[in-house]
Amino acid sequence: MIYNFVDEGLKSEIINLRRVFHKKPEEGWCEFYTTYQIVQYLKKLNCTVYYGHNFLKPGERLGLCSDEDFKVSAQRAQKQGVPEEFIKDVTNGFTGAAAVFKFKNPGPVCVFRFDIDGLKVEESTDKEHKPFSDGFVSENNGFSHACGHDGHIAAGLALCSILSKESENLKGEIRVIFQPAEEGCRGASAVNESGFINGANYVFGGHIGISTVKTGELAAITDGFLATTKLDMVFKGKSAHAANSPHLGKNAMLAAAQFVLASSAIPRFGDKITSVNTGIFNSGTGRNIIPDRAYLKTETRGSDSESNTYVCDEVIRRAKGAADMYGCEVEINTVGTACSFKSDFELCRKAEKIYSQMSKGAALLEKSFTASEDFTNIAVYAEKNGAKCAYFTFGSNLAGPHHSSNFDFDEETLFIETEFMARTAFDILRN
């Protein structure tokens, strides 16, 4: 591997950054410590930094946390050294940041997006798990960076460091977006509304270790992004004594259970991929009480937006039908979405050429993602405004699968990601 931009000093910095963020994972919209550390790093560089209400607008922030989650997360961040005034700037769904580099000479506008949130996954403390054995395991109980976003942050900041030092050699403008709440496909719509994608000519995103690509390989993801809709449902009935007066109650639990069974029977969409899953079902307050509430978290997916819309419409129809069957009502809220997307083929060819200059490893022009990614909302929005967009997988030898307690990746991947993104920036914006 040939590194022109990532020297030994930057390698050490990247590893340290990754491990700092790994120890303090936070769920989407509650990334207070994460955002603070990002902003403090960026303020030392030759760029304009945006965060809080200067970064996001109040409108399109999907799937916000509860007031209690915000409170608990804020208290934890304060104990970890985040000033109270900073937390006030970013709380209630204004996390994340953007670094904008405007160079002297006119040229294209290039956007790089990196996601920053962790997951509600308890991290392994097995002695074979490297973050535990090397002393950087999660310190936030019940949360971990089980999807590699800690690595994305580190690579994004390292890219900013390179851009700051090389500003005399570049033209145009580069915007580096540190996006909150990617998990659940909740944050990208807010980034679009913020205006930081407007006027972009090129938009890039990527991920560590998806699609079984190994360390030293790069894959341009050309298809397989599943469209998805995330739904929160509340079935509302009426409580009553389960033995004395059950006829006076309206059983929200039974209505919700009927929906779960009915949604599983939705006919699939011909030769396209569709799926429905209810992952959370909470109901009931006592064994002798007719449940008056049931809370569900459901998602639909489709191989394209058309098939996902079909299955989502069926889910909503069956939820209303199940509620009506038991004399209940149902409240349905969309808390996350993503659409289908294909990387621009010209950018994929450009990526193949760039990567071949830095590595003898494979650069795959086509790879299927077979999952959903919030970046697609940014890419489709940007394409409608004339931009070319591409998404890359940076191969990594994984110690465990994504979203699992023992997930970990080969840290060499971080140097590859940083170098590739820097070379891509220079290929497009060199003076």
Protein backbone atom coordinates (compact mmCIF):
# COMPACT_ATOMS: atom_id res chain seq x y z
CA MET A 1 0.00 0.00 0.00
CA ILE A 2 1.37 3.42 -1.01
CA TYR A 3 0.56 6.32 1.29
CA ASN A 4 1.28 9.83 0.01
CA PHE A 5 -0.86 11.70 2.54
CA VAL A 6 -1.03 9.32 5.51
CA ASP A 7 2.40 9.36 7.15
CA GLU A 8 3.41 7.53 10.33
CA GLY A 9 2.44 10.47 12.53
CA LEU A 10 -1.04 10.67 11.04
CA LYS A 11 -1.43 6.90 11.35
CA SER A 12 -0.87 7.15 15.10
CA GLU A 13 -3.31 10.03 15.32
CA ILE A 14 -5.98 8.12 13.39
CA ILE A 15 -5.66 5.09 15.67
CA ASN A 16 -5.85 7.27 18.77
CA LEU A 17 -8.91 9.11 17.45
CA ARG A 18 -10.67 5.88 16.61
CA ARG A 19 -10.08 4.51 20.10
CA VAL A 20 -11.17 7.72 21.83
CA PHE A 21 -14.51 7.57 20.03
CA HIS A 22 -14.79 3.81 20.49
CA LYS A 23 -14.74 4.21 24.27
CA LYS A 24 -17.62 6.70 24.29
CA PRO A 25 -20.32 5.43 21.88
CA GLU A 26 -23.64 7.29 21.82
CA GLU A 27 -26.95 6.63 20.10
CA GLY A 28 -28.20 8.80 17.27
CA TRP A 29 -29.24 12.36 18.18
CA CYS A 30 -27.47 11.95 21.55
CA GLU A 31 -23.87 12.13 20.26
CA PHE A 32 -22.91 14.93 22.68
CA TYR A 33 -19.40 13.77 23.61
CA THR A 34 -18.76 12.67 20.02
CA THR A 35 -19.82 16.00 18.53
CA TYR A 36 -17.81 17.95 21.11
CA GLN A 37 -14.62 16.05 20.30
CA ILE A 38 -15.20 16.48 16.55
CA VAL A 39 -15.75 20.23 16.91
CA GLN A 40 -12.71 20.71 19.15
CA TYR A 41 -10.52 18.92 16.60
CA LEU A 42 -11.92 20.88 13.65
CA LYS A 43 -11.48 24.26 15.35
CA LYS A 44 -7.71 23.74 15.19
CA LEU A 45 -7.81 23.45 11.40
CA ASN A 46 -8.04 25.92 8.53
CA CYS A 47 -11.79 25.53 7.96
CA THR A 48 -15.17 26.92 9.00
CA VAL A 49 -16.93 24.73 11.56
CA TYR A 50 -20.70 24.41 11.84
CA TYR A 51 -22.55 22.62 14.63
CA GLY A 52 -25.75 22.85 16.67
CA HIS A 53 -28.44 25.10 15.16
CA ASN A 54 -25.86 26.42 12.67
CA PHE A 55 -25.57 22.90 11.28
CA LEU A 56 -29.10 21.45 11.42
CA LYS A 57 -32.57 22.98 11.17
CA PRO A 58 -35.50 21.91 13.38
CA GLY A 59 -37.59 20.27 10.64
CA GLU A 60 -36.47 16.96 9.14
CA ARG A 61 -34.96 15.24 12.18
CA LEU A 62 -36.57 11.80 12.20
CA GLY A 63 -36.82 9.40 15.12
CA LEU A 64 -35.67 11.76 17.86
CA CYS A 65 -34.86 10.30 21.28
CA SER A 66 -37.18 10.62 24.26
CA ASP A 67 -36.75 13.49 26.71
CA GLU A 68 -35.43 11.00 29.26
CA ASP A 69 -32.82 9.65 26.83
CA PHE A 70 -31.64 13.18 26.06
CA LYS A 71 -31.40 13.92 29.78
CA VAL A 72 -29.46 10.76 30.64
CA SER A 73 -27.11 11.20 27.67
CA ALA A 74 -26.46 14.85 28.54
CA GLN A 75 -25.65 14.00 32.17
CA ARG A 76 -23.25 11.29 31.06
CA ALA A 77 -21.52 13.62 28.57
CA GLN A 78 -21.07 16.26 31.26
CA LYS A 79 -19.38 13.72 33.52
CA GLN A 80 -17.10 12.90 30.58
CA GLY A 81 -15.97 16.51 30.30
CA VAL A 82 -18.36 18.13 27.84
CA PRO A 83 -19.21 21.70 28.94
CA GLU A 84 -22.85 22.34 29.83
CA GLU A 85 -23.07 25.26 27.38
CA PHE A 86 -21.97 23.04 24.50
CA ILE A 87 -24.57 20.42 25.39
CA LYS A 88 -27.26 23.12 25.32
CA ASP A 89 -26.19 23.94 21.74
CA VAL A 90 -26.58 20.38 20.45
CA THR A 91 -29.21 18.69 22.62
CA ASN A 92 -32.70 17.69 21.45
CA GLY A 93 -31.43 16.51 18.10
CA PHE A 94 -28.80 19.00 16.91
CA THR A 95 -25.69 16.81 17.05
CA GLY A 96 -23.18 16.33 14.27
CA ALA A 97 -21.02 18.92 12.53
CA ALA A 98 -19.70 20.14 9.19
CA ALA A 99 -16.26 21.41 8.18
CA VAL A 100 -16.18 23.67 5.12
CA PHE A 101 -12.93 24.32 3.23
CA LYS A 102 -13.15 27.16 0.70
CA PHE A 103 -10.03 27.44 -1.44
CA LYS A 104 -8.73 30.55 -3.19
CA ASN A 105 -9.40 29.56 -6.77
CA PRO A 106 -12.90 28.66 -8.05
CA GLY A 107 -13.71 25.03 -8.79
CA PRO A 108 -16.15 22.20 -8.10
CA VAL A 109 -17.89 21.61 -4.78
CA CYS A 110 -17.12 18.21 -3.29
CA VAL A 111 -18.91 16.67 -0.26
CA PHE A 112 -17.63 13.81 1.90
CA ARG A 113 -20.05 12.32 4.43
CA PHE A 114 -19.08 10.32 7.56
CA ASP A 115 -21.59 8.93 10.09
CA ILE A 116 -20.92 9.18 13.83
CA ASP A 117 -23.51 7.29 15.95
CA GLY A 118 -23.13 4.10 17.94
CA LEU A 119 -25.56 1.27 18.68
CA LYS A 120 -27.52 -0.09 21.62
CA VAL A 121 -25.32 -3.20 21.72
CA GLU A 122 -23.43 -4.27 24.85
CA GLU A 123 -19.77 -4.73 23.87
CA SER A 124 -17.99 -7.99 24.54
CA THR A 125 -15.51 -8.20 27.42
CA ASP A 126 -14.06 -11.47 26.19
CA LYS A 127 -10.26 -11.51 26.46
CA GLU A 128 -10.04 -12.32 22.73
CA HIS A 129 -11.91 -9.10 21.86
CA LYS A 130 -9.18 -6.58 20.92
CA PRO A 131 -10.91 -3.42 22.19
CA PHE A 132 -11.18 -5.11 25.60
CA SER A 133 -7.69 -6.62 25.67
CA ASP A 134 -6.09 -3.37 24.42
CA GLY A 135 -8.01 -1.15 26.83
CA PHE A 136 -10.40 0.80 24.62
CA VAL A 137 -13.64 -1.13 25.15
CA SER A 138 -16.86 0.89 25.48
CA GLU A 139 -17.24 2.74 28.79
CA ASN A 140 -20.92 3.50 28.12
CA ASN A 141 -22.89 0.52 29.37
CA GLY A 142 -25.34 -0.86 26.83
CA PHE A 143 -23.76 0.97 23.89
CA SER A 144 -20.93 0.19 21.47
CA HIS A 145 -19.52 1.17 18.10
CA ALA A 146 -20.58 -2.15 16.62
CA CYS A 147 -20.75 -0.84 13.05
CA GLY A 148 -17.42 0.94 12.60
CA HIS A 149 -18.67 4.52 12.79
CA ASP A 150 -15.86 5.31 15.24
CA GLY A 151 -13.50 4.49 12.37
CA HIS A 152 -15.49 6.67 9.99
CA ILE A 153 -15.14 9.64 12.35
CA ALA A 154 -11.39 9.10 12.68
CA ALA A 155 -10.91 8.87 8.90
CA GLY A 156 -13.09 11.95 8.36
CA LEU A 157 -11.09 14.03 10.82
CA ALA A 158 -7.82 12.81 9.34
CA LEU A 159 -9.08 13.84 5.89
CA CYS A 160 -9.84 17.30 7.30
CA SER A 161 -6.32 17.50 8.71
CA ILE A 162 -4.86 16.72 5.28
CA LEU A 163 -7.11 19.25 3.54
CA SER A 164 -6.13 21.94 6.03
CA LYS A 165 -2.42 21.44 5.34
CA GLU A 166 -2.83 21.20 1.56
CA SER A 167 -5.21 24.14 1.03
CA GLU A 168 -2.80 25.96 -1.31
CA ASN A 169 -2.88 23.03 -3.72
CA LEU A 170 -6.67 22.81 -4.05
CA LYS A 171 -9.42 24.81 -5.76
CA GLY A 172 -13.17 24.99 -5.27
CA GLU A 173 -14.79 23.89 -2.02
CA ILE A 174 -14.90 20.78 0.13
CA ARG A 175 -17.57 20.10 2.75
CA VAL A 176 -16.97 17.29 5.21
CA ILE A 177 -20.20 16.22 6.92
CA PHE A 178 -20.19 14.34 10.24
CA GLN A 179 -23.75 13.02 10.18
CA PRO A 180 -25.70 12.02 13.29
CA ALA A 181 -28.30 9.25 13.56
CA GLU A 182 -27.41 7.10 10.56
CA GLU A 183 -28.66 3.98 12.34
CA GLY A 184 -32.37 3.72 11.65
CA CYS A 185 -31.90 5.99 8.61
CA ARG A 186 -32.86 9.11 10.57
CA GLY A 187 -30.27 11.83 10.09
CA ALA A 188 -29.67 12.33 6.36
CA SER A 189 -32.94 14.15 5.69
CA ALA A 190 -31.89 16.78 8.25
CA VAL A 191 -28.53 17.17 6.50
CA ASN A 192 -30.34 17.73 3.21
CA GLU A 193 -32.57 20.37 4.81
CA SER A 194 -29.55 22.11 6.31
CA GLY A 195 -28.33 23.18 2.88
CA PHE A 196 -24.86 21.63 3.06
CA ILE A 197 -25.61 19.40 0.05
CA ASN A 198 -26.93 22.24 -2.11
CA GLY A 199 -24.64 23.19 -4.97
CA ALA A 200 -22.53 20.05 -4.68
CA ASN A 201 -20.97 18.65 -7.85
CA TYR A 202 -19.70 15.43 -6.24
CA VAL A 203 -20.85 13.58 -3.12
CA PHE A 204 -19.03 10.62 -1.57
CA GLY A 205 -19.82 8.19 1.23
CA GLY A 206 -18.48 4.88 2.40
CA HIS A 207 -18.39 2.15 4.99
CA ILE A 208 -15.87 -0.14 6.65
CA GLY A 209 -16.09 -3.84 5.98
CA ILE A 210 -19.46 -4.37 4.31
CA SER A 211 -20.09 -7.18 1.81
CA THR A 212 -17.25 -9.50 2.93
CA VAL A 213 -14.59 -7.37 1.23
CA LYS A 214 -11.19 -8.00 2.84
CA THR A 215 -8.45 -5.59 3.97
CA GLY A 216 -6.67 -4.13 0.95
CA GLU A 217 -9.73 -4.30 -1.29
CA LEU A 218 -12.04 -1.51 -2.35
CA ALA A 219 -15.57 -1.99 -3.66
CA ALA A 220 -17.64 0.59 -5.45
CA ILE A 221 -21.20 -0.16 -4.37
CA THR A 222 -23.30 0.09 -7.51
CA ASP A 223 -26.53 -1.53 -6.35
CA GLY A 224 -28.20 -3.49 -3.57
CA PHE A 225 -29.16 -0.52 -1.40
CA LEU A 226 -32.51 -1.57 0.04
CA ALA A 227 -35.18 1.07 0.37
CA THR A 228 -36.66 1.05 3.86
CA THR A 229 -39.23 2.68 6.12
CA LYS A 230 -38.98 2.61 9.93
CA LEU A 231 -42.31 2.82 11.76
CA ASP A 232 -43.18 3.35 15.43
CA MET A 233 -46.70 2.22 16.31
CA VAL A 234 -48.88 2.68 19.37
CA PHE A 235 -52.04 0.58 19.58
CA LYS A 236 -54.48 2.30 21.93
CA GLY A 237 -57.29 0.41 23.67
CA LYS A 238 -59.00 0.51 27.06
CA SER A 239 -57.95 -1.16 30.29
CA ALA A 240 -60.32 -3.26 32.41
CA HIS A 241 -60.27 -6.05 35.01
CA ALA A 242 -59.31 -9.25 33.21
CA ALA A 243 -61.77 -11.43 35.21
CA ASN A 244 -64.45 -9.09 36.55
CA SER A 245 -65.12 -6.94 33.50
CA PRO A 246 -63.08 -7.98 30.45
CA HIS A 247 -66.01 -7.03 28.20
CA LEU A 248 -65.45 -3.38 29.11
CA GLY A 249 -61.87 -3.42 27.88
CA LYS A 250 -60.30 -3.04 24.44
CA ASN A 251 -57.21 -5.27 24.24
CA ALA A 252 -54.40 -3.35 22.54
CA MET A 253 -52.02 -6.29 22.98
CA LEU A 254 -54.24 -8.63 20.97
CA ALA A 255 -54.69 -5.99 18.27
CA ALA A 256 -50.93 -5.55 18.02
CA ALA A 257 -50.33 -9.31 17.98
CA GLN A 258 -52.89 -9.66 15.20
CA PHE A 259 -50.99 -7.02 13.24
CA VAL A 260 -47.63 -8.80 13.68
CA LEU A 261 -49.10 -12.03 12.31
CA ALA A 262 -50.95 -10.25 9.49
CA SER A 263 -47.87 -8.28 8.41
CA SER A 264 -45.89 -11.50 8.16
CA ALA A 265 -48.40 -12.74 5.60
CA ILE A 266 -48.03 -9.84 3.15
CA PRO A 267 -47.43 -11.33 -0.33
CA ARG A 268 -43.94 -10.63 -1.62
CA PHE A 269 -43.42 -8.32 -4.59
CA GLY A 270 -42.80 -10.65 -7.53
CA ASP A 271 -39.08 -11.02 -8.24
CA LYS A 272 -38.07 -8.13 -5.99
CA ILE A 273 -36.83 -8.36 -2.41
CA THR A 274 -39.30 -7.27 0.26
CA SER A 275 -39.30 -7.87 4.01
CA VAL A 276 -41.16 -6.87 7.16
CA ASN A 277 -39.88 -7.15 10.70
CA THR A 278 -41.28 -6.10 14.06
CA GLY A 279 -38.28 -6.03 16.36
CA ILE A 280 -39.81 -4.52 19.52
CA PHE A 281 -43.22 -5.30 21.06
CA ASN A 282 -44.02 -3.94 24.53
CA SER A 283 -47.44 -4.18 26.14
CA GLY A 284 -49.24 -4.72 29.40
CA THR A 285 -49.00 -3.54 33.00
CA GLY A 286 -50.24 -6.56 34.98
CA ARG A 287 -51.45 -10.14 34.58
CA ASN A 288 -55.02 -9.23 35.61
CA ILE A 289 -55.36 -6.07 33.51
CA ILE A 290 -56.58 -5.83 29.92
CA PRO A 291 -53.68 -4.01 28.16
CA ASP A 292 -54.66 -0.56 26.92
CA ARG A 293 -51.39 0.17 25.09
CA ALA A 294 -49.00 -1.74 22.86
CA TYR A 295 -45.78 -0.23 21.49
CA LEU A 296 -44.17 -1.66 18.36
CA LYS A 297 -41.10 -0.84 16.27
CA THR A 298 -41.46 -2.19 12.74
CA GLU A 299 -39.49 -1.83 9.54
CA THR A 300 -40.13 -2.60 5.89
CA ARG A 301 -37.54 -3.07 3.16
CA GLY A 302 -37.57 -3.44 -0.60
CA SER A 303 -34.99 -3.86 -3.31
CA ASP A 304 -36.15 -0.52 -4.69
CA SER A 305 -38.40 2.30 -3.60
CA GLU A 306 -41.40 0.91 -5.48
CA SER A 307 -41.34 -2.46 -3.73
CA ASN A 308 -40.74 -0.87 -0.33
CA THR A 309 -43.68 1.49 -0.82
CA TYR A 310 -45.85 -1.49 -1.66
CA VAL A 311 -44.98 -3.42 1.48
CA CYS A 312 -45.11 -0.30 3.68
CA ASP A 313 -48.60 0.57 2.44
CA GLU A 314 -49.69 -3.01 3.24
CA VAL A 315 -48.20 -2.79 6.73
CA ILE A 316 -50.12 0.41 7.46
CA ARG A 317 -53.36 -1.03 6.06
CA ARG A 318 -53.06 -4.17 8.19
CA ALA A 319 -52.18 -2.21 11.30
CA LYS A 320 -55.36 -0.15 10.94
CA GLY A 321 -57.37 -3.29 10.21
CA ALA A 322 -56.02 -5.12 13.26
CA ALA A 323 -56.77 -2.13 15.48
CA ASP A 324 -60.32 -1.90 14.15
CA MET A 325 -60.87 -5.64 14.68
CA TYR A 326 -60.36 -5.19 18.44
CA GLY A 327 -62.06 -1.82 18.78
CA CYS A 328 -58.74 -0.03 19.18
CA GLU A 329 -56.95 2.81 17.47
CA VAL A 330 -53.42 2.88 16.14
CA GLU A 331 -50.98 5.78 15.85
CA ILE A 332 -48.25 5.29 13.23
CA ASN A 333 -45.15 7.49 12.95
CA THR A 334 -42.42 7.30 10.32
CA VAL A 335 -39.11 7.63 12.18
CA GLY A 336 -36.64 6.72 9.42
CA THR A 337 -36.41 6.18 5.68
CA ALA A 338 -33.89 5.30 3.00
CA CYS A 339 -34.23 4.86 -0.74
CA SER A 340 -32.57 2.77 -3.41
CA PHE A 341 -29.48 4.17 -5.13
CA LYS A 342 -26.75 3.29 -7.64
CA SER A 343 -23.29 4.86 -7.65
CA ASP A 344 -22.35 6.92 -10.67
CA PHE A 345 -20.41 4.61 -12.99
CA GLU A 346 -17.94 7.29 -14.11
CA LEU A 347 -16.99 7.95 -10.49
CA CYS A 348 -16.58 4.21 -9.94
CA ARG A 349 -14.15 4.05 -12.87
CA LYS A 350 -12.30 7.06 -11.49
CA ALA A 351 -12.10 5.31 -8.10
CA GLU A 352 -10.66 2.20 -9.73
CA LYS A 353 -7.90 4.28 -11.31
CA ILE A 354 -7.14 6.17 -8.08
CA TYR A 355 -7.01 2.98 -6.04
CA SER A 356 -4.78 1.19 -8.54
CA GLN A 357 -2.17 3.93 -7.98
CA MET A 358 -2.06 3.30 -4.24
CA SER A 359 -2.60 -0.44 -3.98
CA LYS A 360 -2.14 -3.76 -5.71
CA GLY A 361 -5.34 -4.92 -4.03
CA ALA A 362 -8.56 -5.43 -5.93
CA ALA A 363 -10.81 -2.49 -6.80
CA LEU A 364 -14.19 -3.98 -7.59
CA LEU A 365 -16.37 -1.94 -9.92
CA GLU A 366 -19.59 -3.63 -8.85
CA LYS A 367 -20.73 -4.88 -5.47
CA SER A 368 -24.17 -5.30 -3.92
CA PHE A 369 -24.84 -3.73 -0.52
CA THR A 370 -27.86 -5.88 0.48
CA ALA A 371 -28.81 -3.55 3.34
CA SER A 372 -30.08 0.00 3.86
CA GLU A 373 -27.95 3.12 4.30
CA ASP A 374 -28.99 6.66 5.21
CA PHE A 375 -26.44 8.02 2.72
CA THR A 376 -28.86 7.12 -0.08
CA ASN A 377 -31.16 9.96 0.97
CA ILE A 378 -28.30 12.42 0.59
CA ALA A 379 -27.18 10.92 -2.72
CA VAL A 380 -30.62 10.91 -4.35
CA TYR A 381 -31.25 14.47 -3.15
CA ALA A 382 -27.88 15.57 -4.55
CA GLU A 383 -28.43 13.79 -7.87
CA LYS A 384 -31.73 15.61 -8.36
CA ASN A 385 -29.71 18.82 -8.11
CA GLY A 386 -27.13 17.72 -10.68
CA ALA A 387 -24.43 16.08 -8.55
CA LYS A 388 -22.61 12.82 -9.20
CA CYS A 389 -22.50 10.47 -6.21
CA ALA A 390 -20.64 7.32 -5.23
CA TYR A 391 -20.40 5.02 -2.22
CA PHE A 392 -17.46 2.76 -1.39
CA THR A 393 -16.79 -0.18 0.89
CA PHE A 394 -13.33 -0.21 2.43
CA GLY A 395 -12.47 -3.86 2.87
CA SER A 396 -11.55 -5.05 6.33
CA ASN A 397 -10.87 -8.35 8.04
CA LEU A 398 -13.61 -8.39 10.67
CA ALA A 399 -13.40 -10.06 14.08
CA GLY A 400 -17.19 -10.26 14.32
CA PRO A 401 -20.22 -9.31 12.22
CA HIS A 402 -21.67 -5.81 12.16
CA HIS A 403 -24.10 -4.99 14.99
CA SER A 404 -22.73 -7.79 17.18
CA SER A 405 -21.08 -7.52 20.60
CA ASN A 406 -17.71 -8.73 19.29
CA PHE A 407 -17.58 -6.56 16.16
CA ASP A 408 -14.14 -5.16 15.38
CA PHE A 409 -12.23 -4.28 12.22
CA ASP A 410 -8.64 -4.18 10.99
CA GLU A 411 -7.36 -0.68 11.82
CA GLU A 412 -5.21 -0.68 8.67
CA THR A 413 -8.51 -0.01 6.91
CA LEU A 414 -8.57 3.49 8.40
CA PHE A 415 -5.34 4.46 6.64
CA ILE A 416 -6.67 3.12 3.36
CA GLU A 417 -9.96 4.99 3.70
CA THR A 418 -8.23 8.28 4.58
CA GLU A 419 -5.66 7.99 1.78
CA PHE A 420 -8.29 7.08 -0.81
CA MET A 421 -10.61 9.95 0.14
CA ALA A 422 -7.70 12.42 0.11
CA ARG A 423 -6.54 11.22 -3.32
CA THR A 424 -10.12 11.48 -4.59
CA ALA A 425 -10.33 15.09 -3.37
CA PHE A 426 -7.05 15.95 -5.09
CA ASP A 427 -8.05 14.20 -8.28
CA ILE A 428 -11.11 16.43 -8.54
CA LEU A 429 -9.91 19.70 -6.99
CA ARG A 430 -6.17 19.95 -7.60
CA ASN A 431 -5.07 23.40 -8.77
